[in-house]
Amino acid sequence: MGSTNINLPDDIRETVHFIETHYDQPLSLEDITERAALSKYYFTNKFQKYLKTTPIQYLTKTRIKKAMDLLITTNKPIQEIAVETGYTNANYFSKVFRKMIGMSPDSFRKDKRMIDFQHIIID
């Protein structure tokens, strides 16, 4: 997610790049770890050691961050945003979004736009 990856081992840095460029595709832990040619268990522990999160959590955060951007900057339907961020099911996307952000994607879109609009008026 744009973090400084210079001091990371090559396999971790390459995995971060892979996640950040392929988050819009259905990815499993196997898809992610096979690139490093390491066991899922070993690679997950190594990834977590350096980034303080698992590869799947990093993927989810990357997807939700991109979804937040799309919700604020576009009028695309939630279903379309779900697909563009790697989710095949809009209901599951909404469930994950609500769990991470604390509100539904639609509520986030409305609240964030209202805040931004109010901010423009005040300034």
C-alpha atoms as a PDB file:
ATOM      1  CA  MET A   1       0.000   0.000   0.000  1.00  0.00           C
ATOM      2  CA  GLY A   2       2.712   2.331  -0.967  1.00  0.00           C
ATOM      3  CA  SER A   3       4.875   1.547   2.043  1.00  0.00           C
ATOM      4  CA  THR A   4       8.639   1.803   1.876  1.00  0.00           C
ATOM      5  CA  ASN A   5       9.711  -1.654   0.793  1.00  0.00           C
ATOM      6  CA  ILE A   6      13.425  -0.975   0.344  1.00  0.00           C
ATOM      7  CA  ASN A   7      14.553  -2.859   3.463  1.00  0.00           C
ATOM      8  CA  LEU A   8      12.388  -5.910   2.847  1.00  0.00           C
ATOM      9  CA  PRO A   9      13.743  -9.240   1.607  1.00  0.00           C
ATOM     10  CA  ASP A  10      13.231  -9.719  -2.117  1.00  0.00           C
ATOM     11  CA  ASP A  11      10.519 -12.361  -1.760  1.00  0.00           C
ATOM     12  CA  ILE A  12       8.482 -10.152   0.583  1.00  0.00           C
ATOM     13  CA  ARG A  13       8.942  -7.050  -1.590  1.00  0.00           C
ATOM     14  CA  GLU A  14       7.948  -8.996  -4.705  1.00  0.00           C
ATOM     15  CA  THR A  15       4.885 -10.386  -2.938  1.00  0.00           C
ATOM     16  CA  VAL A  16       3.809  -6.911  -1.825  1.00  0.00           C
ATOM     17  CA  HIS A  17       4.179  -5.708  -5.410  1.00  0.00           C
ATOM     18  CA  PHE A  18       2.223  -8.723  -6.669  1.00  0.00           C
ATOM     19  CA  ILE A  19      -0.619  -8.052  -4.213  1.00  0.00           C
ATOM     20  CA  GLU A  20      -0.701  -4.333  -5.018  1.00  0.00           C
ATOM     21  CA  THR A  21      -0.883  -4.994  -8.758  1.00  0.00           C
ATOM     22  CA  HIS A  22      -3.201  -8.036  -8.722  1.00  0.00           C
ATOM     23  CA  TYR A  23      -5.606  -7.218  -5.854  1.00  0.00           C
ATOM     24  CA  ASP A  24      -8.408  -6.977  -8.423  1.00  0.00           C
ATOM     25  CA  GLN A  25      -8.142 -10.686  -9.201  1.00  0.00           C
ATOM     26  CA  PRO A  26      -9.388 -13.573  -7.083  1.00  0.00           C
ATOM     27  CA  LEU A  27      -6.306 -14.526  -5.049  1.00  0.00           C
ATOM     28  CA  SER A  28      -5.835 -17.245  -2.476  1.00  0.00           C
ATOM     29  CA  LEU A  29      -2.997 -17.699  -0.021  1.00  0.00           C
ATOM     30  CA  GLU A  30      -1.716 -20.422  -2.340  1.00  0.00           C
ATOM     31  CA  ASP A  31      -1.656 -17.984  -5.273  1.00  0.00           C
ATOM     32  CA  ILE A  32       0.358 -15.541  -3.192  1.00  0.00           C
ATOM     33  CA  THR A  33       2.812 -17.957  -1.575  1.00  0.00           C
ATOM     34  CA  GLU A  34       3.579 -20.057  -4.649  1.00  0.00           C
ATOM     35  CA  ARG A  35       5.399 -17.059  -6.106  1.00  0.00           C
ATOM     36  CA  ALA A  36       7.882 -17.217  -3.237  1.00  0.00           C
ATOM     37  CA  ALA A  37       8.363 -20.998  -3.601  1.00  0.00           C
ATOM     38  CA  LEU A  38       7.994 -21.398   0.164  1.00  0.00           C
ATOM     39  CA  SER A  39       5.452 -23.227   2.281  1.00  0.00           C
ATOM     40  CA  LYS A  40       2.328 -21.265   3.197  1.00  0.00           C
ATOM     41  CA  TYR A  41       3.186 -21.550   6.883  1.00  0.00           C
ATOM     42  CA  TYR A  42       6.812 -20.417   6.544  1.00  0.00           C
ATOM     43  CA  PHE A  43       6.041 -17.594   4.142  1.00  0.00           C
ATOM     44  CA  THR A  44       3.095 -16.299   6.190  1.00  0.00           C
ATOM     45  CA  ASN A  45       5.304 -16.162   9.287  1.00  0.00           C
ATOM     46  CA  LYS A  46       8.072 -14.402   7.367  1.00  0.00           C
ATOM     47  CA  PHE A  47       5.633 -11.915   5.826  1.00  0.00           C
ATOM     48  CA  GLN A  48       4.116 -11.207   9.231  1.00  0.00           C
ATOM     49  CA  LYS A  49       7.555 -10.738  10.788  1.00  0.00           C
ATOM     50  CA  TYR A  50       8.374  -7.910   8.373  1.00  0.00           C
ATOM     51  CA  LEU A  51       4.973  -6.313   7.782  1.00  0.00           C
ATOM     52  CA  LYS A  52       3.125  -7.104  11.033  1.00  0.00           C
ATOM     53  CA  THR A  53       0.223  -8.562   9.049  1.00  0.00           C
ATOM     54  CA  THR A  54      -0.477 -11.737   7.095  1.00  0.00           C
ATOM     55  CA  PRO A  55      -0.469 -11.823   3.282  1.00  0.00           C
ATOM     56  CA  ILE A  56      -4.271 -12.252   3.237  1.00  0.00           C
ATOM     57  CA  GLN A  57      -4.780  -9.364   5.667  1.00  0.00           C
ATOM     58  CA  TYR A  58      -2.498  -7.227   3.496  1.00  0.00           C
ATOM     59  CA  LEU A  59      -4.525  -8.205   0.423  1.00  0.00           C
ATOM     60  CA  THR A  60      -7.776  -7.342   2.193  1.00  0.00           C
ATOM     61  CA  LYS A  61      -6.440  -3.969   3.372  1.00  0.00           C
ATOM     62  CA  THR A  62      -5.218  -3.194  -0.149  1.00  0.00           C
ATOM     63  CA  ARG A  63      -8.618  -4.060  -1.612  1.00  0.00           C
ATOM     64  CA  ILE A  64     -10.579  -2.065   0.949  1.00  0.00           C
ATOM     65  CA  LYS A  65      -8.293   0.958   0.578  1.00  0.00           C
ATOM     66  CA  LYS A  66      -8.872   0.899  -3.200  1.00  0.00           C
ATOM     67  CA  ALA A  67     -12.614   0.432  -2.655  1.00  0.00           C
ATOM     68  CA  MET A  68     -12.667   3.474  -0.363  1.00  0.00           C
ATOM     69  CA  ASP A  69     -10.995   5.524  -3.084  1.00  0.00           C
ATOM     70  CA  LEU A  70     -13.510   4.346  -5.696  1.00  0.00           C
ATOM     71  CA  LEU A  71     -16.442   5.023  -3.373  1.00  0.00           C
ATOM     72  CA  ILE A  72     -15.288   8.605  -2.857  1.00  0.00           C
ATOM     73  CA  THR A  73     -14.156   9.435  -6.383  1.00  0.00           C
ATOM     74  CA  THR A  74     -16.702   7.611  -8.556  1.00  0.00           C
ATOM     75  CA  ASN A  75     -20.412   6.920  -8.774  1.00  0.00           C
ATOM     76  CA  LYS A  76     -19.849   3.290  -9.712  1.00  0.00           C
ATOM     77  CA  PRO A  77     -22.338   0.819  -8.238  1.00  0.00           C
ATOM     78  CA  ILE A  78     -21.193  -1.178  -5.194  1.00  0.00           C
ATOM     79  CA  GLN A  79     -21.332  -4.399  -7.259  1.00  0.00           C
ATOM     80  CA  GLU A  80     -18.910  -2.934  -9.803  1.00  0.00           C
ATOM     81  CA  ILE A  81     -16.538  -1.693  -7.095  1.00  0.00           C
ATOM     82  CA  ALA A  82     -16.642  -5.135  -5.482  1.00  0.00           C
ATOM     83  CA  VAL A  83     -15.600  -6.775  -8.756  1.00  0.00           C
ATOM     84  CA  GLU A  84     -12.913  -4.150  -9.452  1.00  0.00           C
ATOM     85  CA  THR A  85     -11.363  -4.839  -6.066  1.00  0.00           C
ATOM     86  CA  GLY A  86     -11.254  -8.616  -6.420  1.00  0.00           C
ATOM     87  CA  TYR A  87     -14.536  -9.674  -4.838  1.00  0.00           C
ATOM     88  CA  THR A  88     -16.885 -11.907  -6.799  1.00  0.00           C
ATOM     89  CA  ASN A  89     -19.752 -11.349  -4.372  1.00  0.00           C
ATOM     90  CA  ALA A  90     -20.958  -7.840  -3.495  1.00  0.00           C
ATOM     91  CA  ASN A  91     -22.565  -9.053  -0.265  1.00  0.00           C
ATOM     92  CA  TYR A  92     -19.280 -10.533   0.928  1.00  0.00           C
ATOM     93  CA  PHE A  93     -17.469  -7.341  -0.095  1.00  0.00           C
ATOM     94  CA  SER A  94     -19.959  -5.291   1.936  1.00  0.00           C
ATOM     95  CA  LYS A  95     -19.511  -7.591   4.932  1.00  0.00           C
ATOM     96  CA  VAL A  96     -15.705  -7.272   4.819  1.00  0.00           C
ATOM     97  CA  PHE A  97     -15.930  -3.506   4.260  1.00  0.00           C
ATOM     98  CA  ARG A  98     -18.296  -3.066   7.223  1.00  0.00           C
ATOM     99  CA  LYS A  99     -16.063  -5.174   9.472  1.00  0.00           C
ATOM    100  CA  MET A 100     -12.944  -3.145   8.598  1.00  0.00           C
ATOM    101  CA  ILE A 101     -14.405   0.368   8.294  1.00  0.00           C
ATOM    102  CA  GLY A 102     -17.370   0.175  10.653  1.00  0.00           C
ATOM    103  CA  MET A 103     -20.048   1.076   8.119  1.00  0.00           C
ATOM    104  CA  SER A 104     -21.441  -0.174   4.836  1.00  0.00           C
ATOM    105  CA  PRO A 105     -19.835   0.926   1.563  1.00  0.00           C
ATOM    106  CA  ASP A 106     -22.939   2.975   0.723  1.00  0.00           C
ATOM    107  CA  SER A 107     -22.902   4.734   4.115  1.00  0.00           C
ATOM    108  CA  PHE A 108     -19.180   5.392   3.760  1.00  0.00           C
ATOM    109  CA  ARG A 109     -19.743   6.932   0.338  1.00  0.00           C
ATOM    110  CA  LYS A 110     -22.505   9.219   1.620  1.00  0.00           C
ATOM    111  CA  ASP A 111     -20.733  10.188   4.853  1.00  0.00           C
ATOM    112  CA  LYS A 112     -17.346  10.783   3.228  1.00  0.00           C
ATOM    113  CA  ARG A 113     -18.777  12.911   0.459  1.00  0.00           C
ATOM    114  CA  MET A 114     -20.764  14.950   2.978  1.00  0.00           C
ATOM    115  CA  ILE A 115     -17.644  15.517   5.082  1.00  0.00           C
ATOM    116  CA  ASP A 116     -15.625  16.534   2.029  1.00  0.00           C
ATOM    117  CA  PHE A 117     -18.418  18.851   0.867  1.00  0.00           C
ATOM    118  CA  GLN A 118     -18.698  20.473   4.297  1.00  0.00           C
ATOM    119  CA  HIS A 119     -14.928  20.845   4.428  1.00  0.00           C
ATOM    120  CA  ILE A 120     -14.945  22.743   1.131  1.00  0.00           C
ATOM    121  CA  ILE A 121     -17.659  25.110   2.352  1.00  0.00           C
ATOM    122  CA  ILE A 122     -15.900  25.850   5.653  1.00  0.00           C
ATOM    123  CA  ASP A 123     -12.550  26.526   4.041  1.00  0.00           C
END
